[in-house]
N, C-alpha and C. Protein backbone atom coordinates (compact mmCIF):
# COMPACT_ATOMS: atom_id res chain seq x y z
N UNK A 1 58.55 25.59 -98.59
CA UNK A 1 58.72 24.83 -99.81
C UNK A 1 58.71 25.80 -101.00
N UNK A 2 59.71 25.68 -101.85
CA UNK A 2 59.79 26.54 -103.03
C UNK A 2 58.87 26.03 -104.12
N UNK A 3 58.33 26.97 -104.84
CA UNK A 3 57.48 26.61 -105.96
C UNK A 3 58.30 26.69 -107.24
N UNK A 4 58.36 25.62 -107.98
CA UNK A 4 59.13 25.56 -109.22
C UNK A 4 58.20 25.79 -110.41
N UNK A 5 58.70 26.51 -111.38
CA UNK A 5 57.90 26.82 -112.56
C UNK A 5 58.54 26.26 -113.83
N UNK A 6 59.30 25.19 -113.71
CA UNK A 6 59.98 24.65 -114.87
C UNK A 6 59.00 24.01 -115.87
N UNK A 7 57.81 23.68 -115.42
CA UNK A 7 56.82 23.11 -116.34
C UNK A 7 56.31 24.16 -117.35
N UNK A 8 56.61 25.42 -117.11
CA UNK A 8 56.18 26.49 -118.01
C UNK A 8 57.19 26.80 -119.11
N UNK A 9 58.35 26.17 -119.07
CA UNK A 9 59.40 26.50 -120.04
C UNK A 9 59.00 26.11 -121.46
N UNK A 10 58.52 24.89 -121.66
CA UNK A 10 58.16 24.45 -123.01
C UNK A 10 57.00 25.24 -123.60
N UNK A 11 55.91 25.47 -122.85
CA UNK A 11 54.85 26.31 -123.43
C UNK A 11 55.32 27.72 -123.75
N UNK A 12 56.21 28.26 -122.93
CA UNK A 12 56.77 29.59 -123.19
C UNK A 12 57.61 29.59 -124.46
N UNK A 13 58.39 28.54 -124.67
CA UNK A 13 59.17 28.42 -125.90
C UNK A 13 58.27 28.34 -127.13
N UNK A 14 57.21 27.58 -127.03
CA UNK A 14 56.28 27.44 -128.16
C UNK A 14 55.63 28.77 -128.47
N UNK A 15 55.17 29.46 -127.45
CA UNK A 15 54.52 30.76 -127.65
C UNK A 15 55.49 31.77 -128.26
N UNK A 16 56.72 31.79 -127.78
CA UNK A 16 57.71 32.73 -128.31
C UNK A 16 58.01 32.42 -129.77
N UNK A 17 58.16 31.14 -130.12
CA UNK A 17 58.44 30.79 -131.51
C UNK A 17 57.30 31.17 -132.45
N UNK A 18 56.08 30.90 -132.05
CA UNK A 18 54.93 31.25 -132.89
C UNK A 18 54.80 32.77 -132.99
N UNK A 19 55.08 33.47 -131.90
CA UNK A 19 55.06 34.94 -131.96
C UNK A 19 56.13 35.47 -132.90
N UNK A 20 57.32 34.88 -132.85
CA UNK A 20 58.37 35.30 -133.77
C UNK A 20 57.94 35.10 -135.22
N UNK A 21 57.34 33.99 -135.51
CA UNK A 21 56.89 33.71 -136.88
C UNK A 21 55.90 34.77 -137.33
N UNK A 22 54.92 35.06 -136.51
CA UNK A 22 53.88 36.02 -136.88
C UNK A 22 54.40 37.46 -136.90
N UNK A 23 55.29 37.80 -135.98
CA UNK A 23 55.83 39.15 -135.94
C UNK A 23 56.72 39.42 -137.15
N UNK A 24 57.49 38.44 -137.56
CA UNK A 24 58.34 38.61 -138.75
C UNK A 24 57.48 38.87 -139.97
N UNK A 25 56.41 38.12 -140.12
CA UNK A 25 55.52 38.34 -141.26
C UNK A 25 54.92 39.74 -141.19
N UNK A 26 54.59 40.19 -139.98
CA UNK A 26 54.02 41.53 -139.83
C UNK A 26 55.02 42.62 -140.19
N UNK A 27 56.28 42.48 -139.75
CA UNK A 27 57.27 43.53 -139.98
C UNK A 27 57.77 43.58 -141.41
N UNK A 28 57.70 42.49 -142.14
CA UNK A 28 58.07 42.55 -143.56
C UNK A 28 57.02 43.36 -144.31
N UNK A 29 55.79 43.33 -143.85
CA UNK A 29 54.67 44.12 -144.35
C UNK A 29 54.38 43.89 -145.83
N UNK A 30 54.35 42.65 -146.19
CA UNK A 30 53.82 42.31 -147.51
C UNK A 30 52.35 41.99 -147.28
N UNK A 31 51.47 42.77 -147.84
CA UNK A 31 50.06 42.68 -147.49
C UNK A 31 49.39 41.40 -148.00
N UNK A 32 50.05 40.69 -148.90
CA UNK A 32 49.50 39.39 -149.29
C UNK A 32 49.72 38.35 -148.21
N UNK A 33 50.69 38.59 -147.33
CA UNK A 33 50.93 37.66 -146.23
C UNK A 33 50.10 38.00 -145.00
N UNK A 34 49.66 39.22 -144.88
CA UNK A 34 48.95 39.64 -143.67
C UNK A 34 47.47 39.28 -143.74
N UNK A 35 47.21 38.01 -143.85
CA UNK A 35 45.83 37.56 -143.76
C UNK A 35 45.76 36.41 -142.77
N UNK A 36 44.61 36.20 -142.25
CA UNK A 36 44.43 35.21 -141.18
C UNK A 36 44.69 33.79 -141.67
N UNK A 37 44.44 33.52 -142.94
CA UNK A 37 44.66 32.17 -143.46
C UNK A 37 46.14 31.82 -143.50
N UNK A 38 46.97 32.73 -144.00
CA UNK A 38 48.40 32.46 -144.06
C UNK A 38 49.02 32.37 -142.67
N UNK A 39 48.68 33.31 -141.80
CA UNK A 39 49.25 33.29 -140.45
C UNK A 39 48.84 32.06 -139.67
N UNK A 40 47.57 31.66 -139.78
CA UNK A 40 47.14 30.46 -139.08
C UNK A 40 47.74 29.21 -139.70
N UNK A 41 47.91 29.20 -141.02
CA UNK A 41 48.52 28.05 -141.69
C UNK A 41 49.95 27.84 -141.22
N UNK A 42 50.78 28.88 -141.27
CA UNK A 42 52.18 28.66 -140.90
C UNK A 42 52.34 28.42 -139.40
N UNK A 43 51.48 29.02 -138.57
CA UNK A 43 51.55 28.76 -137.13
C UNK A 43 51.15 27.32 -136.83
N UNK A 44 50.07 26.87 -137.43
CA UNK A 44 49.62 25.49 -137.22
C UNK A 44 50.63 24.50 -137.79
N UNK A 45 51.19 24.80 -138.95
CA UNK A 45 52.18 23.91 -139.55
C UNK A 45 53.43 23.84 -138.69
N UNK A 46 53.84 24.97 -138.12
CA UNK A 46 54.99 24.97 -137.22
C UNK A 46 54.72 24.08 -136.01
N UNK A 47 53.55 24.20 -135.42
CA UNK A 47 53.22 23.41 -134.23
C UNK A 47 53.16 21.92 -134.54
N UNK A 48 52.60 21.56 -135.68
CA UNK A 48 52.50 20.15 -136.05
C UNK A 48 53.88 19.56 -136.32
N UNK A 49 54.70 20.26 -137.09
CA UNK A 49 56.03 19.73 -137.40
C UNK A 49 56.93 19.70 -136.17
N UNK A 50 56.80 20.68 -135.30
CA UNK A 50 57.63 20.67 -134.09
C UNK A 50 57.22 19.54 -133.16
N UNK A 51 55.95 19.22 -133.11
CA UNK A 51 55.50 18.07 -132.32
C UNK A 51 55.99 16.77 -132.94
N UNK A 52 55.93 16.68 -134.26
CA UNK A 52 56.34 15.47 -134.97
C UNK A 52 57.83 15.17 -134.76
N UNK A 53 58.68 16.19 -134.79
CA UNK A 53 60.12 16.00 -134.63
C UNK A 53 60.59 16.06 -133.18
N UNK A 54 59.72 16.43 -132.26
CA UNK A 54 60.15 16.59 -130.87
C UNK A 54 61.08 17.79 -130.72
N UNK A 55 60.74 18.86 -131.40
CA UNK A 55 61.58 20.05 -131.45
C UNK A 55 61.76 20.69 -130.08
N UNK A 56 60.81 20.55 -129.21
CA UNK A 56 60.90 21.18 -127.90
C UNK A 56 61.32 20.21 -126.80
N UNK A 57 61.73 19.02 -127.16
CA UNK A 57 62.24 18.07 -126.18
C UNK A 57 63.76 18.22 -126.07
N UNK A 58 64.16 19.41 -125.67
CA UNK A 58 65.57 19.75 -125.51
C UNK A 58 65.79 20.08 -124.05
N UNK A 59 66.82 19.48 -123.49
CA UNK A 59 67.11 19.66 -122.08
C UNK A 59 68.51 20.25 -121.92
N UNK A 60 68.92 20.49 -120.69
CA UNK A 60 70.23 21.08 -120.42
C UNK A 60 71.36 20.23 -120.97
N UNK A 61 71.21 18.95 -120.90
CA UNK A 61 72.28 18.04 -121.30
C UNK A 61 72.22 17.63 -122.77
N UNK A 62 71.31 18.20 -123.53
CA UNK A 62 71.19 17.90 -124.96
C UNK A 62 72.41 18.48 -125.69
N UNK A 63 73.00 17.66 -126.55
CA UNK A 63 74.21 18.11 -127.25
C UNK A 63 73.86 19.13 -128.34
N UNK A 64 74.86 19.91 -128.70
CA UNK A 64 74.71 20.92 -129.75
C UNK A 64 74.38 20.25 -131.08
N UNK A 65 74.98 19.08 -131.32
CA UNK A 65 74.73 18.38 -132.58
C UNK A 65 73.28 17.93 -132.70
N UNK A 66 72.69 17.53 -131.59
CA UNK A 66 71.27 17.14 -131.59
C UNK A 66 70.40 18.36 -131.90
N UNK A 67 70.75 19.50 -131.34
CA UNK A 67 69.98 20.72 -131.58
C UNK A 67 70.12 21.16 -133.04
N UNK A 68 71.32 21.08 -133.57
CA UNK A 68 71.53 21.43 -134.98
C UNK A 68 70.75 20.48 -135.88
N UNK A 69 70.73 19.20 -135.53
CA UNK A 69 69.96 18.22 -136.30
C UNK A 69 68.46 18.54 -136.26
N UNK A 70 67.96 18.88 -135.08
CA UNK A 70 66.54 19.26 -134.96
C UNK A 70 66.23 20.51 -135.76
N UNK A 71 67.13 21.49 -135.70
CA UNK A 71 66.92 22.73 -136.46
C UNK A 71 66.91 22.48 -137.96
N UNK A 72 67.81 21.62 -138.41
CA UNK A 72 67.85 21.32 -139.85
C UNK A 72 66.59 20.58 -140.31
N UNK A 73 66.18 19.58 -139.54
CA UNK A 73 64.97 18.83 -139.90
C UNK A 73 63.74 19.73 -139.87
N UNK A 74 63.61 20.49 -138.80
CA UNK A 74 62.46 21.38 -138.66
C UNK A 74 62.47 22.45 -139.75
N UNK A 75 63.63 23.01 -140.01
CA UNK A 75 63.75 24.05 -141.03
C UNK A 75 63.43 23.54 -142.42
N UNK A 76 63.89 22.33 -142.74
CA UNK A 76 63.61 21.75 -144.05
C UNK A 76 62.13 21.46 -144.23
N UNK A 77 61.52 20.82 -143.24
CA UNK A 77 60.09 20.50 -143.37
C UNK A 77 59.24 21.76 -143.34
N UNK A 78 59.62 22.73 -142.51
CA UNK A 78 58.87 23.99 -142.48
C UNK A 78 59.00 24.72 -143.81
N UNK A 79 60.17 24.67 -144.43
CA UNK A 79 60.36 25.27 -145.75
C UNK A 79 59.44 24.64 -146.78
N UNK A 80 59.34 23.34 -146.76
CA UNK A 80 58.45 22.65 -147.70
C UNK A 80 56.99 23.03 -147.46
N UNK A 81 56.58 23.07 -146.20
CA UNK A 81 55.21 23.46 -145.89
C UNK A 81 54.93 24.92 -146.20
N UNK A 82 55.92 25.76 -145.98
CA UNK A 82 55.80 27.19 -146.26
C UNK A 82 55.57 27.43 -147.74
N UNK A 83 56.39 26.81 -148.58
CA UNK A 83 56.24 27.00 -150.02
C UNK A 83 55.04 26.25 -150.59
N UNK A 84 54.60 25.20 -149.90
CA UNK A 84 53.41 24.50 -150.39
C UNK A 84 52.16 25.36 -150.24
N UNK A 85 52.16 26.27 -149.27
CA UNK A 85 51.03 27.19 -149.13
C UNK A 85 50.84 27.99 -150.42
N UNK A 86 51.94 28.47 -150.97
CA UNK A 86 51.85 29.30 -152.17
C UNK A 86 51.49 28.46 -153.39
N UNK A 87 51.86 27.19 -153.39
CA UNK A 87 51.48 26.33 -154.49
C UNK A 87 50.03 25.91 -154.44
N UNK A 88 49.49 25.78 -153.25
CA UNK A 88 48.11 25.31 -153.09
C UNK A 88 47.11 26.46 -153.10
N UNK A 89 47.35 27.47 -152.27
CA UNK A 89 46.35 28.50 -152.04
C UNK A 89 46.49 29.74 -152.91
N UNK A 90 47.70 30.08 -153.30
CA UNK A 90 47.88 31.32 -154.07
C UNK A 90 48.60 31.02 -155.37
N UNK A 91 48.11 30.06 -156.08
CA UNK A 91 48.75 29.65 -157.33
C UNK A 91 48.70 30.78 -158.34
N UNK A 92 49.83 31.04 -158.95
CA UNK A 92 49.90 32.06 -159.99
C UNK A 92 50.25 33.44 -159.47
N UNK A 93 50.28 33.64 -158.18
CA UNK A 93 50.61 34.95 -157.62
C UNK A 93 52.10 34.97 -157.31
N UNK A 94 52.78 35.95 -157.84
CA UNK A 94 54.21 36.10 -157.58
C UNK A 94 54.37 36.98 -156.35
N UNK A 95 55.04 36.44 -155.36
CA UNK A 95 55.25 37.17 -154.12
C UNK A 95 56.75 37.38 -153.95
N UNK A 96 57.16 38.62 -153.83
CA UNK A 96 58.58 38.94 -153.81
C UNK A 96 59.28 38.60 -152.51
N UNK A 97 58.58 38.63 -151.40
CA UNK A 97 59.23 38.49 -150.10
C UNK A 97 59.15 37.09 -149.50
N UNK A 98 58.80 36.08 -150.28
CA UNK A 98 58.67 34.73 -149.73
C UNK A 98 59.97 34.24 -149.11
N UNK A 99 61.04 34.33 -149.86
CA UNK A 99 62.33 33.81 -149.38
C UNK A 99 62.86 34.65 -148.23
N UNK A 100 62.66 35.96 -148.26
CA UNK A 100 63.12 36.84 -147.20
C UNK A 100 62.43 36.50 -145.88
N UNK A 101 61.13 36.32 -145.92
CA UNK A 101 60.38 35.98 -144.71
C UNK A 101 60.81 34.63 -144.18
N UNK A 102 60.96 33.64 -145.06
CA UNK A 102 61.39 32.31 -144.62
C UNK A 102 62.78 32.36 -143.99
N UNK A 103 63.69 33.11 -144.57
CA UNK A 103 65.04 33.22 -144.03
C UNK A 103 65.02 33.85 -142.65
N UNK A 104 64.28 34.91 -142.48
CA UNK A 104 64.18 35.56 -141.17
C UNK A 104 63.56 34.63 -140.13
N UNK A 105 62.55 33.89 -140.51
CA UNK A 105 61.89 32.98 -139.56
C UNK A 105 62.87 31.90 -139.11
N UNK A 106 63.51 31.24 -140.04
CA UNK A 106 64.41 30.14 -139.68
C UNK A 106 65.60 30.66 -138.88
N UNK A 107 66.15 31.80 -139.27
CA UNK A 107 67.28 32.36 -138.54
C UNK A 107 66.89 32.77 -137.12
N UNK A 108 65.78 33.43 -136.96
CA UNK A 108 65.38 33.90 -135.62
C UNK A 108 65.03 32.72 -134.71
N UNK A 109 64.37 31.71 -135.23
CA UNK A 109 64.05 30.54 -134.41
C UNK A 109 65.33 29.81 -134.01
N UNK A 110 66.31 29.75 -134.90
CA UNK A 110 67.59 29.11 -134.58
C UNK A 110 68.31 29.87 -133.47
N UNK A 111 68.34 31.18 -133.58
CA UNK A 111 69.01 31.99 -132.55
C UNK A 111 68.30 31.83 -131.21
N UNK A 112 66.99 31.87 -131.21
CA UNK A 112 66.23 31.72 -129.97
C UNK A 112 66.46 30.34 -129.36
N UNK A 113 66.54 29.32 -130.20
CA UNK A 113 66.77 27.95 -129.70
C UNK A 113 68.13 27.85 -129.01
N UNK A 114 69.16 28.43 -129.61
CA UNK A 114 70.48 28.38 -128.97
C UNK A 114 70.53 29.25 -127.72
N UNK A 115 69.82 30.36 -127.72
CA UNK A 115 69.79 31.19 -126.51
C UNK A 115 69.09 30.48 -125.36
N UNK A 116 68.02 29.75 -125.66
CA UNK A 116 67.34 28.96 -124.62
C UNK A 116 68.29 27.94 -124.03
N UNK A 117 69.08 27.32 -124.89
CA UNK A 117 70.03 26.32 -124.40
C UNK A 117 71.09 26.95 -123.50
N UNK A 118 71.57 28.11 -123.89
CA UNK A 118 72.60 28.77 -123.10
C UNK A 118 72.08 29.26 -121.75
N UNK A 119 70.86 29.75 -121.75
CA UNK A 119 70.30 30.25 -120.48
C UNK A 119 69.81 29.11 -119.63
C-alpha cells in the first residue's frame, strides 16, 4: 500500500508563504521593519485573512479566474492591514520602503500561487 502525503500540501503552502513574507522583509533590510512585532503582525494578519477568504482552498480543477479573484481579494485586504500597522503602531514615522516591501510580497505570493497550480 502506497503512503500518500497530499495532506501536507496546504500546510507546506502556508509555511512557504509566511516564509516568503518574512524573508522579503529581511532582504530589504529596513531596520524599522526588522522587529518581532512587525513580523508577527504581518504573518498573523496573512494567516487570518487567508483563512477568511479560503486562500488555500485551491485544487487542481480550480479555474485561473478563481485564483486571480482570490489573489486580488487577499492582496487588497493584506494591503489595508499592512498599511494599518504603520497608522496604528508607528504613527509619524516615515518609512521609505513600505511600498517596495508590499509590492515584493504580493508579487512573490502570486507567482508562488500560480506555480503551485501548475505543478
